[in-house]
Amino acid sequence: MNKRILENLTRQHKALHVLKHIQEEEFSYLREFKPQSVGALEFSIQELMRQLMVERKCVRRMIAEVVPGATRLTQLTEFFGEEWAQVEDVLSKIDALEQICAKQAEKSYAMALALFDQSSGYVDFFKQKLTPTKQSYGPRGVFAKTKPAPAMLRGAL
């Protein structure tokens, strides 16, 4: 059983490595303002996160099989014996990668939010500049009152 747990932890470590690279790629697409590429990577990130959760639930089940009532790997130190140092090494690598991925996700979130604010600012600016401030002409003559928001106009200028 300890071999299966160690294999699972190794898979989680490798998955976090892949996640780190995907997040870095996503951030580079955000900097280049390529929303279609970001959207495609988001699906990959979500699927990878789902797979990580499946692996973690599997480890929890294996831990409970080894020592009934146990919920943490640290409760299995005597079960692993000499291999515990290897388990601790993998766990520390997993923890370090999780921290890196969390920081990268925060950077991507901040960048996406900034791009959203910038885009909505542009929309507000254009709406303000394109809205007529005084009487304007339409297909049936002069509008009695200007509309506060952009509207579709028909007719020739």
N, C-alpha and C. Protein backbone atom coordinates (compact mmCIF):
# COMPACT_ATOMS: atom_id res chain seq x y z
N MET A 1 0.83 -1.20 0.00
CA MET A 1 0.00 0.00 0.00
C MET A 1 0.87 1.26 0.00
N ASN A 2 2.00 1.19 0.71
CA ASN A 2 2.84 2.39 0.76
C ASN A 2 3.40 2.74 -0.61
N LYS A 3 3.64 1.75 -1.45
CA LYS A 3 4.10 2.02 -2.82
C LYS A 3 3.03 2.77 -3.61
N ARG A 4 1.77 2.35 -3.44
CA ARG A 4 0.67 3.03 -4.14
C ARG A 4 0.51 4.47 -3.67
N ILE A 5 0.67 4.70 -2.38
CA ILE A 5 0.56 6.06 -1.85
C ILE A 5 1.70 6.92 -2.39
N LEU A 6 2.90 6.38 -2.41
CA LEU A 6 4.04 7.13 -2.94
C LEU A 6 3.88 7.42 -4.43
N GLU A 7 3.36 6.47 -5.18
CA GLU A 7 3.10 6.70 -6.61
C GLU A 7 2.07 7.80 -6.80
N ASN A 8 1.04 7.79 -5.97
CA ASN A 8 0.01 8.83 -6.04
C ASN A 8 0.60 10.20 -5.76
N LEU A 9 1.43 10.29 -4.74
CA LEU A 9 2.06 11.56 -4.41
C LEU A 9 2.97 12.03 -5.54
N THR A 10 3.65 11.10 -6.18
CA THR A 10 4.52 11.45 -7.31
C THR A 10 3.68 11.98 -8.47
N ARG A 11 2.53 11.36 -8.73
CA ARG A 11 1.64 11.85 -9.79
C ARG A 11 1.15 13.26 -9.47
N GLN A 12 0.83 13.51 -8.21
CA GLN A 12 0.40 14.85 -7.81
C GLN A 12 1.52 15.87 -8.04
N HIS A 13 2.74 15.48 -7.71
CA HIS A 13 3.89 16.37 -7.90
C HIS A 13 4.05 16.69 -9.38
N LYS A 14 3.97 15.70 -10.24
CA LYS A 14 4.12 15.93 -11.68
C LYS A 14 2.96 16.76 -12.23
N ALA A 15 1.76 16.54 -11.73
CA ALA A 15 0.61 17.31 -12.17
C ALA A 15 0.76 18.79 -11.78
N LEU A 16 1.31 19.03 -10.61
CA LEU A 16 1.54 20.42 -10.19
C LEU A 16 2.62 21.08 -11.05
N HIS A 17 3.60 20.29 -11.48
CA HIS A 17 4.60 20.83 -12.41
C HIS A 17 3.93 21.27 -13.71
N VAL A 18 3.06 20.42 -14.24
CA VAL A 18 2.33 20.76 -15.47
C VAL A 18 1.46 21.98 -15.25
N LEU A 19 0.78 22.03 -14.11
CA LEU A 19 -0.07 23.17 -13.78
C LEU A 19 0.74 24.47 -13.75
N LYS A 20 1.91 24.41 -13.17
CA LYS A 20 2.78 25.60 -13.11
C LYS A 20 3.11 26.10 -14.52
N HIS A 21 3.45 25.19 -15.41
CA HIS A 21 3.79 25.59 -16.77
C HIS A 21 2.58 26.14 -17.53
N ILE A 22 1.43 25.53 -17.33
CA ILE A 22 0.22 26.02 -17.99
C ILE A 22 -0.14 27.41 -17.48
N GLN A 23 0.00 27.62 -16.17
CA GLN A 23 -0.30 28.94 -15.62
C GLN A 23 0.66 30.01 -16.13
N GLU A 24 1.92 29.65 -16.29
CA GLU A 24 2.88 30.61 -16.85
C GLU A 24 2.53 30.95 -18.30
N GLU A 25 2.10 29.94 -19.04
CA GLU A 25 1.68 30.17 -20.42
C GLU A 25 0.43 31.06 -20.46
N GLU A 26 -0.50 30.80 -19.56
CA GLU A 26 -1.71 31.60 -19.48
C GLU A 26 -1.38 33.06 -19.19
N PHE A 27 -0.45 33.29 -18.28
CA PHE A 27 -0.06 34.66 -17.94
C PHE A 27 0.59 35.36 -19.14
N SER A 28 1.38 34.62 -19.90
CA SER A 28 2.00 35.24 -21.08
C SER A 28 0.93 35.60 -22.11
N TYR A 29 -0.10 34.77 -22.24
CA TYR A 29 -1.20 35.11 -23.16
C TYR A 29 -1.98 36.32 -22.65
N LEU A 30 -2.12 36.43 -21.35
CA LEU A 30 -2.81 37.60 -20.79
C LEU A 30 -2.01 38.87 -21.09
N ARG A 31 -0.69 38.80 -20.96
CA ARG A 31 0.14 39.97 -21.25
C ARG A 31 0.06 40.35 -22.72
N GLU A 32 -0.08 39.35 -23.59
CA GLU A 32 -0.17 39.61 -25.03
C GLU A 32 -1.60 39.92 -25.47
N PHE A 33 -2.54 39.88 -24.52
CA PHE A 33 -3.97 40.13 -24.77
C PHE A 33 -4.51 39.20 -25.86
N LYS A 34 -4.42 37.89 -25.60
CA LYS A 34 -4.95 36.87 -26.50
C LYS A 34 -6.03 36.09 -25.73
N PRO A 35 -7.26 36.64 -25.69
CA PRO A 35 -8.30 36.02 -24.86
C PRO A 35 -8.70 34.62 -25.31
N GLN A 36 -8.64 34.33 -26.61
CA GLN A 36 -9.02 33.00 -27.07
C GLN A 36 -8.04 31.95 -26.55
N SER A 37 -6.77 32.28 -26.54
CA SER A 37 -5.76 31.35 -26.04
C SER A 37 -5.91 31.15 -24.53
N VAL A 38 -6.24 32.22 -23.83
CA VAL A 38 -6.45 32.12 -22.38
C VAL A 38 -7.64 31.22 -22.09
N GLY A 39 -8.70 31.38 -22.86
CA GLY A 39 -9.89 30.54 -22.66
C GLY A 39 -9.60 29.07 -22.87
N ALA A 40 -8.81 28.76 -23.89
CA ALA A 40 -8.46 27.36 -24.14
C ALA A 40 -7.63 26.78 -23.00
N LEU A 41 -6.71 27.58 -22.47
CA LEU A 41 -5.89 27.09 -21.36
C LEU A 41 -6.69 26.94 -20.07
N GLU A 42 -7.71 27.76 -19.91
CA GLU A 42 -8.54 27.66 -18.70
C GLU A 42 -9.19 26.28 -18.60
N PHE A 43 -9.64 25.74 -19.73
CA PHE A 43 -10.23 24.40 -19.71
C PHE A 43 -9.20 23.37 -19.28
N SER A 44 -7.97 23.52 -19.75
CA SER A 44 -6.91 22.58 -19.36
C SER A 44 -6.61 22.70 -17.87
N ILE A 45 -6.57 23.92 -17.37
CA ILE A 45 -6.30 24.12 -15.95
C ILE A 45 -7.41 23.50 -15.10
N GLN A 46 -8.66 23.72 -15.50
CA GLN A 46 -9.77 23.16 -14.73
C GLN A 46 -9.75 21.64 -14.73
N GLU A 47 -9.42 21.03 -15.86
CA GLU A 47 -9.36 19.57 -15.94
C GLU A 47 -8.21 19.04 -15.08
N LEU A 48 -7.09 19.71 -15.11
CA LEU A 48 -5.95 19.29 -14.30
C LEU A 48 -6.27 19.41 -12.81
N MET A 49 -6.96 20.47 -12.43
CA MET A 49 -7.36 20.63 -11.03
C MET A 49 -8.34 19.52 -10.61
N ARG A 50 -9.23 19.16 -11.52
CA ARG A 50 -10.16 18.06 -11.23
C ARG A 50 -9.40 16.76 -11.01
N GLN A 51 -8.42 16.49 -11.85
CA GLN A 51 -7.63 15.27 -11.70
C GLN A 51 -6.83 15.27 -10.41
N LEU A 52 -6.31 16.43 -10.02
CA LEU A 52 -5.59 16.53 -8.75
C LEU A 52 -6.51 16.20 -7.57
N MET A 53 -7.73 16.68 -7.63
CA MET A 53 -8.68 16.40 -6.55
C MET A 53 -9.01 14.90 -6.49
N VAL A 54 -9.12 14.26 -7.63
CA VAL A 54 -9.37 12.82 -7.65
C VAL A 54 -8.20 12.08 -7.00
N GLU A 55 -6.98 12.49 -7.32
CA GLU A 55 -5.79 11.86 -6.73
C GLU A 55 -5.77 12.06 -5.22
N ARG A 56 -6.13 13.25 -4.77
CA ARG A 56 -6.11 13.52 -3.32
C ARG A 56 -7.17 12.70 -2.58
N LYS A 57 -8.34 12.57 -3.19
CA LYS A 57 -9.38 11.75 -2.56
C LYS A 57 -8.95 10.29 -2.50
N CYS A 58 -8.24 9.84 -3.54
CA CYS A 58 -7.74 8.47 -3.57
C CYS A 58 -6.72 8.25 -2.45
N VAL A 59 -5.84 9.21 -2.22
CA VAL A 59 -4.86 9.09 -1.13
C VAL A 59 -5.58 9.03 0.21
N ARG A 60 -6.59 9.84 0.38
CA ARG A 60 -7.34 9.82 1.65
C ARG A 60 -7.97 8.45 1.89
N ARG A 61 -8.51 7.86 0.83
CA ARG A 61 -9.09 6.51 0.97
C ARG A 61 -8.02 5.50 1.34
N MET A 62 -6.85 5.59 0.71
CA MET A 62 -5.78 4.65 1.02
C MET A 62 -5.28 4.83 2.45
N ILE A 63 -5.20 6.07 2.91
CA ILE A 63 -4.78 6.33 4.29
C ILE A 63 -5.76 5.69 5.26
N ALA A 64 -7.05 5.84 4.97
CA ALA A 64 -8.08 5.27 5.85
C ALA A 64 -8.04 3.74 5.82
N GLU A 65 -7.63 3.15 4.69
CA GLU A 65 -7.52 1.68 4.62
C GLU A 65 -6.36 1.18 5.47
N VAL A 66 -5.26 1.92 5.47
CA VAL A 66 -4.07 1.49 6.21
C VAL A 66 -4.31 1.61 7.71
N VAL A 67 -4.72 2.79 8.15
CA VAL A 67 -4.99 3.03 9.57
C VAL A 67 -6.41 3.59 9.67
N PRO A 68 -7.38 2.78 10.07
CA PRO A 68 -8.75 3.28 10.17
C PRO A 68 -8.83 4.50 11.10
N GLY A 69 -9.49 5.52 10.58
CA GLY A 69 -9.65 6.76 11.36
C GLY A 69 -8.56 7.78 11.07
N ALA A 70 -7.50 7.38 10.39
CA ALA A 70 -6.42 8.33 10.07
C ALA A 70 -6.87 9.24 8.93
N THR A 71 -6.49 10.51 9.02
CA THR A 71 -6.87 11.47 7.99
C THR A 71 -5.67 12.15 7.35
N ARG A 72 -4.48 12.01 7.96
CA ARG A 72 -3.29 12.69 7.46
C ARG A 72 -2.17 11.69 7.24
N LEU A 73 -1.31 12.01 6.30
CA LEU A 73 -0.17 11.14 6.01
C LEU A 73 0.79 11.06 7.20
N THR A 74 0.88 12.11 7.98
CA THR A 74 1.80 12.10 9.12
C THR A 74 1.44 11.04 10.15
N GLN A 75 0.21 10.56 10.10
CA GLN A 75 -0.22 9.51 11.01
C GLN A 75 0.26 8.13 10.56
N LEU A 76 0.92 8.07 9.40
CA LEU A 76 1.41 6.79 8.86
C LEU A 76 2.92 6.68 8.91
N THR A 77 3.59 7.47 9.72
CA THR A 77 5.06 7.46 9.73
C THR A 77 5.61 6.08 10.05
N GLU A 78 5.06 5.40 11.02
CA GLU A 78 5.58 4.07 11.38
C GLU A 78 5.25 3.03 10.32
N PHE A 79 4.17 3.23 9.60
CA PHE A 79 3.81 2.30 8.52
C PHE A 79 4.83 2.36 7.38
N PHE A 80 5.33 3.56 7.07
CA PHE A 80 6.29 3.72 5.98
C PHE A 80 7.70 3.31 6.38
N GLY A 81 8.06 3.50 7.62
CA GLY A 81 9.39 3.11 8.08
C GLY A 81 10.48 3.92 7.39
N GLU A 82 11.40 3.24 6.70
CA GLU A 82 12.53 3.89 6.04
C GLU A 82 12.11 4.78 4.87
N GLU A 83 10.98 4.46 4.27
CA GLU A 83 10.51 5.23 3.11
C GLU A 83 9.89 6.57 3.51
N TRP A 84 9.73 6.84 4.80
CA TRP A 84 9.10 8.07 5.23
C TRP A 84 9.88 9.30 4.78
N ALA A 85 11.21 9.20 4.73
CA ALA A 85 12.02 10.33 4.26
C ALA A 85 11.68 10.67 2.81
N GLN A 86 11.46 9.65 2.01
CA GLN A 86 11.08 9.87 0.61
C GLN A 86 9.71 10.52 0.53
N VAL A 87 8.78 10.08 1.35
CA VAL A 87 7.43 10.67 1.38
C VAL A 87 7.51 12.13 1.81
N GLU A 88 8.29 12.43 2.83
CA GLU A 88 8.45 13.82 3.27
C GLU A 88 9.04 14.69 2.18
N ASP A 89 10.00 14.14 1.43
CA ASP A 89 10.62 14.89 0.34
C ASP A 89 9.58 15.24 -0.73
N VAL A 90 8.79 14.25 -1.12
CA VAL A 90 7.75 14.50 -2.13
C VAL A 90 6.72 15.49 -1.60
N LEU A 91 6.34 15.35 -0.35
CA LEU A 91 5.37 16.28 0.24
C LEU A 91 5.89 17.71 0.27
N SER A 92 7.17 17.88 0.58
CA SER A 92 7.73 19.23 0.61
C SER A 92 7.78 19.82 -0.81
N LYS A 93 8.08 18.98 -1.80
CA LYS A 93 8.08 19.45 -3.19
C LYS A 93 6.67 19.84 -3.63
N ILE A 94 5.69 19.03 -3.23
CA ILE A 94 4.29 19.33 -3.56
C ILE A 94 3.89 20.66 -2.91
N ASP A 95 4.25 20.85 -1.66
CA ASP A 95 3.90 22.08 -0.97
C ASP A 95 4.53 23.29 -1.64
N ALA A 96 5.80 23.18 -2.03
CA ALA A 96 6.48 24.30 -2.69
C ALA A 96 5.81 24.63 -4.03
N LEU A 97 5.46 23.60 -4.79
CA LEU A 97 4.79 23.83 -6.08
C LEU A 97 3.40 24.42 -5.89
N GLU A 98 2.69 23.99 -4.85
CA GLU A 98 1.38 24.57 -4.57
C GLU A 98 1.49 26.06 -4.28
N GLN A 99 2.52 26.45 -3.54
CA GLN A 99 2.73 27.87 -3.23
C GLN A 99 3.03 28.66 -4.50
N ILE A 100 3.87 28.10 -5.36
CA ILE A 100 4.20 28.77 -6.63
C ILE A 100 2.96 28.91 -7.49
N CYS A 101 2.16 27.84 -7.59
CA CYS A 101 0.95 27.89 -8.41
C CYS A 101 -0.06 28.89 -7.86
N ALA A 102 -0.16 28.96 -6.54
CA ALA A 102 -1.09 29.93 -5.93
C ALA A 102 -0.67 31.36 -6.24
N LYS A 103 0.63 31.63 -6.17
CA LYS A 103 1.12 32.98 -6.48
C LYS A 103 0.90 33.31 -7.96
N GLN A 104 1.12 32.33 -8.83
CA GLN A 104 0.93 32.55 -10.26
C GLN A 104 -0.55 32.78 -10.57
N ALA A 105 -1.42 32.03 -9.90
CA ALA A 105 -2.86 32.22 -10.10
C ALA A 105 -3.28 33.61 -9.66
N GLU A 106 -2.70 34.09 -8.57
CA GLU A 106 -3.02 35.44 -8.09
C GLU A 106 -2.56 36.50 -9.09
N LYS A 107 -1.37 36.30 -9.68
CA LYS A 107 -0.88 37.24 -10.68
C LYS A 107 -1.79 37.25 -11.91
N SER A 108 -2.19 36.07 -12.35
CA SER A 108 -3.08 35.98 -13.52
C SER A 108 -4.42 36.62 -13.22
N TYR A 109 -4.94 36.41 -12.02
CA TYR A 109 -6.21 37.01 -11.62
C TYR A 109 -6.11 38.53 -11.65
N ALA A 110 -5.02 39.06 -11.09
CA ALA A 110 -4.84 40.51 -11.06
C ALA A 110 -4.73 41.07 -12.47
N MET A 111 -4.02 40.37 -13.34
CA MET A 111 -3.88 40.82 -14.73
C MET A 111 -5.22 40.78 -15.45
N ALA A 112 -5.97 39.70 -15.28
CA ALA A 112 -7.28 39.60 -15.94
C ALA A 112 -8.23 40.68 -15.44
N LEU A 113 -8.19 40.95 -14.15
CA LEU A 113 -9.03 42.00 -13.58
C LEU A 113 -8.63 43.37 -14.12
N ALA A 114 -7.34 43.61 -14.25
CA ALA A 114 -6.87 44.89 -14.80
C ALA A 114 -7.30 45.05 -16.25
N LEU A 115 -7.21 43.97 -17.02
CA LEU A 115 -7.65 44.03 -18.42
C LEU A 115 -9.15 44.26 -18.53
N PHE A 116 -9.91 43.65 -17.61
CA PHE A 116 -11.35 43.88 -17.59
C PHE A 116 -11.67 45.33 -17.27
N ASP A 117 -11.00 45.87 -16.26
CA ASP A 117 -11.20 47.28 -15.90
C ASP A 117 -10.85 48.21 -17.06
N GLN A 118 -9.75 47.90 -17.74
CA GLN A 118 -9.34 48.71 -18.87
C GLN A 118 -10.38 48.65 -19.99
N SER A 119 -10.86 47.47 -20.31
CA SER A 119 -11.86 47.32 -21.37
C SER A 119 -13.16 48.02 -21.02
N SER A 120 -13.61 47.87 -19.77
CA SER A 120 -14.86 48.54 -19.38
C SER A 120 -14.65 50.06 -19.35
N GLY A 121 -13.44 50.50 -19.03
CA GLY A 121 -13.14 51.94 -19.09
C GLY A 121 -13.22 52.47 -20.51
N TYR A 122 -12.72 51.68 -21.47
CA TYR A 122 -12.82 52.07 -22.87
C TYR A 122 -14.28 52.16 -23.31
N VAL A 123 -15.08 51.19 -22.91
CA VAL A 123 -16.50 51.20 -23.28
C VAL A 123 -17.18 52.43 -22.70
N ASP A 124 -16.91 52.71 -21.44
CA ASP A 124 -17.52 53.89 -20.82
C ASP A 124 -17.07 55.18 -21.52
N PHE A 125 -15.79 55.25 -21.88
CA PHE A 125 -15.27 56.42 -22.57
C PHE A 125 -15.97 56.62 -23.91
N PHE A 126 -16.07 55.54 -24.70
CA PHE A 126 -16.72 55.66 -26.00
C PHE A 126 -18.21 55.98 -25.86
N LYS A 127 -18.86 55.39 -24.87
CA LYS A 127 -20.26 55.69 -24.64
C LYS A 127 -20.45 57.17 -24.31
N GLN A 128 -19.57 57.70 -23.49
CA GLN A 128 -19.66 59.11 -23.11
C GLN A 128 -19.40 60.02 -24.31
N LYS A 129 -18.42 59.66 -25.13
CA LYS A 129 -18.07 60.51 -26.26
C LYS A 129 -19.07 60.40 -27.41
N LEU A 130 -19.71 59.27 -27.58
CA LEU A 130 -20.64 59.06 -28.70
C LEU A 130 -22.06 59.48 -28.39
N THR A 131 -22.39 59.66 -27.12
CA THR A 131 -23.74 60.09 -26.77
C THR A 131 -23.87 61.58 -27.07
N PRO A 132 -24.88 61.95 -27.87
CA PRO A 132 -25.05 63.37 -28.19
C PRO A 132 -25.39 64.17 -26.94
N THR A 133 -24.79 65.35 -26.82
CA THR A 133 -25.05 66.19 -25.65
C THR A 133 -26.11 67.25 -25.93
N LYS A 134 -26.39 67.53 -27.19
CA LYS A 134 -27.43 68.48 -27.55
C LYS A 134 -28.34 67.83 -28.59
N GLN A 135 -29.28 68.58 -29.10
CA GLN A 135 -30.21 68.00 -30.05
C GLN A 135 -29.46 67.45 -31.26
N SER A 136 -29.92 66.29 -31.71
CA SER A 136 -29.30 65.68 -32.87
C SER A 136 -30.38 65.25 -33.85
N TYR A 137 -29.97 64.91 -35.04
CA TYR A 137 -30.92 64.60 -36.10
C TYR A 137 -31.02 63.09 -36.29
N GLY A 138 -32.22 62.66 -36.61
CA GLY A 138 -32.49 61.26 -36.92
C GLY A 138 -33.24 61.17 -38.23
N PRO A 139 -33.74 59.99 -38.59
CA PRO A 139 -34.42 59.84 -39.88
C PRO A 139 -35.73 60.64 -39.97
N ARG A 140 -36.33 60.98 -38.84
CA ARG A 140 -37.61 61.71 -38.87
C ARG A 140 -37.46 63.15 -38.40
N GLY A 141 -36.26 63.65 -38.37
CA GLY A 141 -36.08 65.03 -37.95
C GLY A 141 -35.27 65.13 -36.68
N VAL A 142 -35.50 66.15 -35.91
CA VAL A 142 -34.73 66.43 -34.70
C VAL A 142 -35.30 65.62 -33.54
N PHE A 143 -34.41 65.00 -32.76
CA PHE A 143 -34.84 64.33 -31.53
C PHE A 143 -35.16 65.41 -30.51
N ALA A 144 -36.25 65.23 -29.81
CA ALA A 144 -36.62 66.21 -28.79
C ALA A 144 -35.65 66.14 -27.62
N LYS A 145 -35.19 64.95 -27.32
CA LYS A 145 -34.30 64.81 -26.17
C LYS A 145 -33.28 63.71 -26.51
N THR A 146 -32.05 63.88 -26.10
CA THR A 146 -31.02 62.90 -26.40
C THR A 146 -31.16 61.71 -25.47
N LYS A 147 -30.72 60.56 -25.93
CA LYS A 147 -30.78 59.34 -25.12
C LYS A 147 -29.50 59.24 -24.28
N PRO A 148 -29.60 58.82 -23.05
CA PRO A 148 -28.41 58.76 -22.20
C PRO A 148 -27.47 57.61 -22.56
N ALA A 149 -27.98 56.59 -23.18
CA ALA A 149 -27.15 55.44 -23.54
C ALA A 149 -27.13 55.30 -25.06
N PRO A 150 -26.12 54.65 -25.62
CA PRO A 150 -26.08 54.46 -27.06
C PRO A 150 -27.31 53.69 -27.54
N ALA A 151 -27.78 54.06 -28.72
CA ALA A 151 -28.94 53.39 -29.30
C ALA A 151 -28.71 53.24 -30.80
N MET A 152 -29.42 52.32 -31.38
CA MET A 152 -29.31 52.11 -32.82
C MET A 152 -30.10 53.19 -33.56
N LEU A 153 -29.48 53.77 -34.55
CA LEU A 153 -30.12 54.76 -35.38
C LEU A 153 -30.21 54.23 -36.80
N ARG A 154 -31.33 54.49 -37.45
CA ARG A 154 -31.47 54.10 -38.85
C ARG A 154 -31.60 55.35 -39.69
N GLY A 155 -31.07 55.28 -40.86
CA GLY A 155 -31.20 56.42 -41.75
C GLY A 155 -29.87 56.81 -42.34
N ALA A 156 -29.91 57.75 -43.20
CA ALA A 156 -28.69 58.22 -43.86
C ALA A 156 -28.28 59.55 -43.26
N LEU A 157 -27.01 59.77 -43.24
CA LEU A 157 -26.52 61.05 -42.72
C LEU A 157 -26.50 62.10 -43.81
